[in-house]
Every structure is written in structure tokens, then in C-alpha cells.
N, C-alpha and C. Protein backbone atom coordinates (compact mmCIF):
# COMPACT_ATOMS: atom_id res chain seq x y z
N MET A 1 23.86 -20.65 -13.55
CA MET A 1 23.55 -19.22 -14.06
C MET A 1 22.93 -18.86 -13.00
N GLY A 2 21.47 -19.43 -13.07
CA GLY A 2 20.07 -18.68 -12.62
C GLY A 2 20.04 -17.25 -12.85
N TRP A 3 18.97 -16.56 -11.76
CA TRP A 3 18.48 -15.24 -12.02
C TRP A 3 19.18 -14.39 -11.60
N LYS A 4 19.54 -13.55 -12.41
CA LYS A 4 20.23 -12.50 -12.09
C LYS A 4 19.50 -11.01 -11.92
N PRO A 5 19.67 -10.24 -10.73
CA PRO A 5 18.67 -9.13 -10.89
C PRO A 5 18.93 -7.91 -12.25
N LEU A 6 18.05 -6.97 -12.23
CA LEU A 6 18.51 -6.15 -13.72
C LEU A 6 18.99 -4.83 -12.73
N ASP A 7 19.75 -4.07 -13.74
CA ASP A 7 20.08 -2.87 -12.51
C ASP A 7 18.78 -2.15 -11.79
N GLY A 8 17.47 -1.78 -12.67
CA GLY A 8 16.63 -1.11 -11.80
C GLY A 8 16.34 -1.66 -10.50
N GLU A 9 16.03 -3.31 -10.76
CA GLU A 9 15.72 -3.99 -9.55
C GLU A 9 16.90 -3.61 -8.44
N ARG A 10 18.07 -4.01 -8.74
CA ARG A 10 19.08 -3.52 -7.54
C ARG A 10 19.07 -2.04 -7.23
N GLU A 11 18.77 -1.57 -7.82
CA GLU A 11 18.45 0.72 -7.37
C GLU A 11 16.99 0.19 -6.52
N ILE A 12 16.04 -0.40 -6.93
CA ILE A 12 15.12 -0.46 -5.98
C ILE A 12 15.46 -1.08 -4.48
N ASP A 13 16.00 -2.28 -4.45
CA ASP A 13 16.40 -2.79 -3.61
C ASP A 13 17.23 -1.53 -2.19
N ARG A 14 17.95 -0.93 -3.36
CA ARG A 14 19.05 -0.50 -2.55
C ARG A 14 18.35 1.17 -2.17
N LEU A 15 17.26 1.94 -2.49
CA LEU A 15 16.67 2.97 -2.27
C LEU A 15 15.42 2.31 -1.21
N PHE A 16 15.12 1.46 -0.91
CA PHE A 16 13.85 0.48 -0.23
C PHE A 16 14.70 0.49 1.22
N VAL A 17 15.65 0.04 1.33
CA VAL A 17 16.83 -0.20 2.54
C VAL A 17 17.16 1.17 3.02
N ALA A 18 17.63 2.11 2.02
CA ALA A 18 18.43 3.41 2.33
C ALA A 18 16.83 3.93 2.77
N GLY A 19 15.74 4.28 2.49
CA GLY A 19 14.86 4.67 2.65
C GLY A 19 14.24 4.07 4.52
N ALA A 20 14.24 2.66 4.45
CA ALA A 20 14.08 2.26 5.76
C ALA A 20 15.27 2.63 6.94
N ARG A 21 16.09 2.66 6.41
CA ARG A 21 17.49 3.55 7.43
C ARG A 21 17.57 4.92 7.60
N GLU A 22 16.73 6.10 6.75
CA GLU A 22 17.10 7.23 6.43
C GLU A 22 16.21 8.03 8.01
N GLN A 23 16.40 8.60 8.67
CA GLN A 23 15.85 9.13 10.13
C GLN A 23 15.18 10.18 9.90
N ASP A 24 15.95 11.36 9.11
CA ASP A 24 15.36 12.44 8.49
C ASP A 24 13.82 12.12 7.66
N GLU A 25 13.34 12.60 7.43
CA GLU A 25 11.47 13.06 7.30
C GLU A 25 11.64 13.43 5.72
N ALA A 26 12.55 14.74 5.46
CA ALA A 26 12.58 15.21 4.34
C ALA A 26 12.97 14.24 3.37
N LYS A 27 14.33 13.39 3.64
CA LYS A 27 15.54 12.78 2.77
C LYS A 27 14.75 11.66 2.59
N ARG A 28 14.13 10.66 3.47
CA ARG A 28 12.98 9.39 3.18
C ARG A 28 12.21 10.12 2.38
N LYS A 29 11.67 11.17 2.36
CA LYS A 29 10.28 11.19 1.78
C LYS A 29 10.82 11.24 -0.22
N LEU A 30 12.18 11.84 -0.36
CA LEU A 30 12.78 12.00 -1.27
C LEU A 30 13.33 10.43 -1.91
N ILE A 31 13.81 9.97 -0.51
CA ILE A 31 14.54 8.26 -1.03
C ILE A 31 12.83 7.77 -1.68
N TYR A 32 12.19 7.47 -0.96
CA TYR A 32 11.03 7.01 -1.69
C TYR A 32 10.37 7.72 -2.52
N GLY A 33 10.16 8.22 -3.03
CA GLY A 33 9.64 9.47 -4.50
C GLY A 33 10.52 8.83 -4.95
N GLU A 34 12.17 8.42 -5.43
CA GLU A 34 12.87 7.84 -6.18
C GLU A 34 12.70 6.32 -6.20
N PHE A 35 12.38 5.68 -5.31
CA PHE A 35 12.00 4.24 -5.30
C PHE A 35 10.85 4.33 -5.88
N GLN A 36 9.65 5.15 -5.67
CA GLN A 36 8.42 4.72 -6.34
C GLN A 36 8.41 5.06 -8.14
N LYS A 37 9.01 5.97 -8.20
CA LYS A 37 9.53 6.17 -9.64
C LYS A 37 9.73 5.37 -10.29
N ILE A 38 10.93 4.61 -10.06
CA ILE A 38 11.48 3.63 -10.56
C ILE A 38 10.47 2.07 -10.65
N VAL A 39 10.10 2.20 -9.83
CA VAL A 39 8.77 0.70 -9.70
C VAL A 39 8.16 1.18 -10.64
N GLN A 40 6.98 2.49 -11.10
CA GLN A 40 6.32 2.78 -11.85
C GLN A 40 7.35 2.71 -13.62
N GLU A 41 8.49 2.69 -13.24
CA GLU A 41 8.77 2.83 -14.89
C GLU A 41 9.49 1.03 -15.04
N GLN A 42 9.20 0.23 -14.21
CA GLN A 42 10.27 -1.21 -14.13
C GLN A 42 9.30 -2.09 -14.11
N LEU A 43 7.77 -1.65 -13.68
CA LEU A 43 6.37 -2.36 -13.23
C LEU A 43 6.99 -4.19 -13.19
N PRO A 44 7.76 -4.04 -12.27
CA PRO A 44 7.83 -5.54 -11.33
C PRO A 44 6.48 -6.37 -11.46
N VAL A 45 5.64 -5.71 -10.77
CA VAL A 45 4.45 -6.41 -10.20
C VAL A 45 2.98 -5.87 -10.94
N ILE A 46 2.32 -6.52 -11.58
CA ILE A 46 1.21 -5.81 -11.75
C ILE A 46 -0.40 -6.31 -11.01
N HIS A 47 -0.90 -5.94 -10.04
CA HIS A 47 -1.88 -6.64 -9.33
C HIS A 47 -3.01 -6.91 -10.19
N LEU A 48 -3.89 -7.92 -10.36
CA LEU A 48 -4.40 -8.25 -11.35
C LEU A 48 -6.08 -8.94 -10.92
N ILE A 49 -5.53 -9.03 -9.26
CA ILE A 49 -6.85 -9.64 -8.63
C ILE A 49 -6.96 -8.72 -7.05
N ASN A 50 -8.20 -8.65 -6.59
CA ASN A 50 -8.30 -8.24 -5.45
C ASN A 50 -8.72 -9.35 -4.22
N GLU A 51 -8.41 -9.31 -3.16
CA GLU A 51 -8.94 -10.42 -1.97
C GLU A 51 -10.51 -10.23 -1.80
N VAL A 52 -11.25 -11.07 -1.61
CA VAL A 52 -12.57 -11.57 -1.31
C VAL A 52 -12.59 -11.22 0.07
N ALA A 53 -13.35 -10.18 0.49
CA ALA A 53 -14.03 -10.02 2.02
C ALA A 53 -15.16 -10.12 2.15
N LEU A 54 -15.85 -10.38 3.18
CA LEU A 54 -17.28 -10.65 3.74
C LEU A 54 -17.44 -9.82 4.79
N VAL A 55 -18.38 -8.79 4.83
CA VAL A 55 -18.49 -7.91 6.15
C VAL A 55 -19.48 -7.96 6.63
N ALA A 56 -19.97 -8.28 7.93
CA ALA A 56 -21.03 -8.13 8.46
C ALA A 56 -21.51 -7.24 9.63
N VAL A 57 -22.11 -6.42 9.63
CA VAL A 57 -22.28 -5.51 10.51
C VAL A 57 -23.56 -5.18 11.07
N ARG A 58 -24.00 -5.59 12.49
CA ARG A 58 -25.13 -4.98 13.16
C ARG A 58 -25.71 -3.58 12.60
N ASP A 59 -26.76 -3.95 12.68
CA ASP A 59 -28.05 -3.24 11.59
C ASP A 59 -28.05 -1.70 12.74
N ARG A 60 -27.54 -1.77 14.13
CA ARG A 60 -27.13 -0.45 14.79
C ARG A 60 -26.23 0.48 14.61
N VAL A 61 -25.17 0.14 13.57
CA VAL A 61 -24.13 0.74 13.01
C VAL A 61 -24.66 1.70 11.83
N GLN A 62 -24.33 3.17 11.86
CA GLN A 62 -24.74 3.83 10.73
C GLN A 62 -23.53 4.25 10.44
N GLY A 63 -23.52 5.02 9.08
CA GLY A 63 -22.54 5.71 8.41
C GLY A 63 -21.26 4.65 7.51
N LEU A 64 -21.67 3.40 7.38
CA LEU A 64 -20.83 2.24 7.01
C LEU A 64 -20.97 2.81 5.47
N LYS A 65 -19.78 3.20 4.64
CA LYS A 65 -19.60 3.25 2.95
C LYS A 65 -18.45 1.87 3.02
N TYR A 66 -19.46 1.05 1.73
CA TYR A 66 -18.39 -0.01 1.22
C TYR A 66 -17.64 0.54 0.28
N SER A 67 -16.30 -0.47 0.17
CA SER A 67 -15.55 0.11 -1.12
C SER A 67 -15.11 -0.90 -1.46
N GLY A 68 -14.22 -0.93 -2.78
CA GLY A 68 -13.69 -1.90 -3.53
C GLY A 68 -11.92 -1.98 -2.87
N LEU A 69 -11.77 -1.27 -2.12
CA LEU A 69 -10.33 -1.20 -1.36
C LEU A 69 -10.22 -2.51 -0.49
N PRO A 70 -9.25 -3.32 -0.69
CA PRO A 70 -9.01 -4.49 0.27
C PRO A 70 -9.06 -4.30 1.68
N SER A 71 -10.04 -3.37 2.42
CA SER A 71 -10.00 -3.04 3.76
C SER A 71 -10.93 -3.56 4.37
N TRP A 72 -11.14 -4.38 4.35
CA TRP A 72 -12.66 -5.15 4.88
C TRP A 72 -13.81 -4.15 5.10
N GLY A 73 -13.80 -3.23 4.51
CA GLY A 73 -15.19 -2.63 4.42
C GLY A 73 -15.22 -0.97 5.82
N LEU A 74 -14.49 -1.34 6.33
CA LEU A 74 -14.07 -0.26 7.09
C LEU A 74 -12.93 0.94 7.06
N TRP A 75 -12.78 1.46 5.70
CA TRP A 75 -12.13 2.28 5.45
C TRP A 75 -12.37 4.00 6.16
N ASN A 76 -13.64 4.11 6.27
CA ASN A 76 -14.02 5.09 7.05
C ASN A 76 -14.66 5.09 8.15
N ILE A 77 -13.85 4.36 9.25
CA ILE A 77 -14.03 3.62 10.29
C ILE A 77 -14.49 5.05 11.47
N GLU A 78 -13.68 6.12 11.14
CA GLU A 78 -13.78 7.06 12.23
C GLU A 78 -15.13 7.70 11.96
N GLU A 79 -15.80 7.52 11.09
CA GLU A 79 -17.15 8.07 10.67
C GLU A 79 -18.59 7.36 10.99
N LEU A 80 -17.93 6.10 11.58
CA LEU A 80 -18.94 5.24 12.43
C LEU A 80 -19.79 5.60 13.46
N GLN A 81 -20.92 5.25 13.39
CA GLN A 81 -21.68 5.45 14.70
C GLN A 81 -22.69 4.48 15.21
N LEU A 82 -23.05 4.49 16.56
CA LEU A 82 -23.91 3.41 17.04
C LEU A 82 -25.44 4.32 17.42
N LYS A 83 -26.30 3.33 16.61
CA LYS A 83 -27.64 3.87 17.14
C LYS A 83 -28.04 3.50 17.94
N GLU A 84 -29.08 4.33 19.09
CA GLU A 84 -29.35 3.91 20.19
C GLU A 84 -30.53 2.93 19.91
């Protein structure tokens, strides 16, 4: 017997492939919008953990803002400056 995907799971797969193949940005946005709607309704995965990261920065770097996001602490990299 084995595992059989649900209709919502099949639709998620179909939309993901369709979005990857669509060249028109407006159409692709609609496809991924529908994809996200179904994913939120089905909630196939709920992430309950965050990765742990250690970030070291020299004292010359200014403007660093730490965040809980898994971006290795450099989510505002365009704002960083070096002190002379």
C-alpha cells in the first residue's frame, strides 16, 4: 500500500512546478500566491526550532544589528560600515 499523497499535496506539487516553469512574472506571482494559500491551509510542516549560529565581528564594524532570523546576523549587511 504505502503512502499516498492527499489532493492538497498533489496540488502543492503541481503549482510549485508550474511556478518554476512560468516565464511571465505576473502569472508566476499568482501561481505562487495560490501555492502559499494551500500550504498555509494544509500546514504540512511547522518549524519548531531555529538553527544556532555564532557570529564574530571585529570591533571596527559598526551598525551590526542582531536578529533571531537564521541569517547569520548579517541581515542588515548593506548598513554595515568600517570604523577607521
